[in-house]
Amino acid sequence: MSNPIVSFDEEAVKSELRELVRKTIEETINAMLDEEADQLVGAGPYERTDERAAYRAVT
């Protein structure tokens, strides 16, 4: 029998994919929450409007 030409650490690949998916989900949820906050407040982060004297801070 021949030896495999390419070998890889399957657990390392799974771990990297898990982290990639976790980061992607985290970034997506944070973007959605930021957009919802913009809509609720009527202003973006640190933005002042004529109707509002205060501003929305970013945490």
C-alpha atoms as a PDB file:
ATOM      1  CA  MET A   1       0.000   0.000   0.000  1.00  0.00           C
ATOM      2  CA  SER A   2       1.107   3.532  -0.634  1.00  0.00           C
ATOM      3  CA  ASN A   3       1.510   6.146   2.054  1.00  0.00           C
ATOM      4  CA  PRO A   4      -0.769   9.178   2.021  1.00  0.00           C
ATOM      5  CA  ILE A   5       0.721  12.145   0.187  1.00  0.00           C
ATOM      6  CA  VAL A   6      -0.882  14.721   2.456  1.00  0.00           C
ATOM      7  CA  SER A   7      -1.658  14.431   6.129  1.00  0.00           C
ATOM      8  CA  PHE A   8      -3.195  16.911   8.545  1.00  0.00           C
ATOM      9  CA  ASP A   9      -4.284  17.177  12.142  1.00  0.00           C
ATOM     10  CA  GLU A  10      -8.052  16.755  11.946  1.00  0.00           C
ATOM     11  CA  GLU A  11      -8.610  18.020  15.499  1.00  0.00           C
ATOM     12  CA  ALA A  12      -6.610  21.186  14.797  1.00  0.00           C
ATOM     13  CA  VAL A  13      -8.681  21.837  11.672  1.00  0.00           C
ATOM     14  CA  LYS A  14     -11.920  21.293  13.616  1.00  0.00           C
ATOM     15  CA  SER A  15     -10.716  23.635  16.350  1.00  0.00           C
ATOM     16  CA  GLU A  16      -9.836  26.367  13.840  1.00  0.00           C
ATOM     17  CA  LEU A  17     -13.205  25.997  12.111  1.00  0.00           C
ATOM     18  CA  ARG A  18     -15.031  26.166  15.453  1.00  0.00           C
ATOM     19  CA  GLU A  19     -13.208  29.393  16.332  1.00  0.00           C
ATOM     20  CA  LEU A  20     -13.900  30.868  12.892  1.00  0.00           C
ATOM     21  CA  VAL A  21     -17.622  30.088  13.183  1.00  0.00           C
ATOM     22  CA  ARG A  22     -17.742  31.465  16.757  1.00  0.00           C
ATOM     23  CA  LYS A  23     -16.074  34.741  15.715  1.00  0.00           C
ATOM     24  CA  THR A  24     -18.321  35.086  12.665  1.00  0.00           C
ATOM     25  CA  ILE A  25     -21.463  34.580  14.749  1.00  0.00           C
ATOM     26  CA  GLU A  26     -20.219  37.011  17.414  1.00  0.00           C
ATOM     27  CA  GLU A  27     -19.457  39.712  14.830  1.00  0.00           C
ATOM     28  CA  THR A  28     -22.817  39.204  13.109  1.00  0.00           C
ATOM     29  CA  ILE A  29     -24.812  39.420  16.341  1.00  0.00           C
ATOM     30  CA  ASN A  30     -22.888  42.521  17.477  1.00  0.00           C
ATOM     31  CA  ALA A  31     -23.514  44.221  14.129  1.00  0.00           C
ATOM     32  CA  MET A  32     -27.223  43.423  14.372  1.00  0.00           C
ATOM     33  CA  LEU A  33     -27.394  44.776  17.936  1.00  0.00           C
ATOM     34  CA  ASP A  34     -25.560  47.969  16.918  1.00  0.00           C
ATOM     35  CA  GLU A  35     -27.981  48.494  14.034  1.00  0.00           C
ATOM     36  CA  GLU A  36     -30.962  47.920  16.319  1.00  0.00           C
ATOM     37  CA  ALA A  37     -29.557  50.402  18.866  1.00  0.00           C
ATOM     38  CA  ASP A  38     -29.051  52.987  16.075  1.00  0.00           C
ATOM     39  CA  GLN A  39     -32.687  52.584  15.052  1.00  0.00           C
ATOM     40  CA  LEU A  40     -34.053  52.708  18.609  1.00  0.00           C
ATOM     41  CA  VAL A  41     -32.031  55.760  19.608  1.00  0.00           C
ATOM     42  CA  GLY A  42     -32.245  57.509  16.269  1.00  0.00           C
ATOM     43  CA  ALA A  43     -28.516  58.195  16.159  1.00  0.00           C
ATOM     44  CA  GLY A  44     -25.299  56.332  15.618  1.00  0.00           C
ATOM     45  CA  PRO A  45     -22.485  55.976  18.145  1.00  0.00           C
ATOM     46  CA  TYR A  46     -21.314  59.389  19.443  1.00  0.00           C
ATOM     47  CA  GLU A  47     -23.751  61.095  17.068  1.00  0.00           C
ATOM     48  CA  ARG A  48     -25.740  64.137  18.159  1.00  0.00           C
ATOM     49  CA  THR A  49     -28.900  65.220  16.429  1.00  0.00           C
ATOM     50  CA  ASP A  50     -30.962  68.414  16.574  1.00  0.00           C
ATOM     51  CA  GLU A  51     -33.637  66.563  18.537  1.00  0.00           C
ATOM     52  CA  ARG A  52     -31.204  65.087  21.036  1.00  0.00           C
ATOM     53  CA  ALA A  53     -28.685  66.821  23.274  1.00  0.00           C
ATOM     54  CA  ALA A  54     -27.108  63.566  24.437  1.00  0.00           C
ATOM     55  CA  TYR A  55     -25.275  60.980  22.376  1.00  0.00           C
ATOM     56  CA  ARG A  56     -25.094  57.221  22.214  1.00  0.00           C
ATOM     57  CA  ALA A  57     -21.847  55.832  23.580  1.00  0.00           C
ATOM     58  CA  VAL A  58     -20.150  52.672  22.388  1.00  0.00           C
ATOM     59  CA  THR A  59     -19.234  50.047  24.939  1.00  0.00           C
END
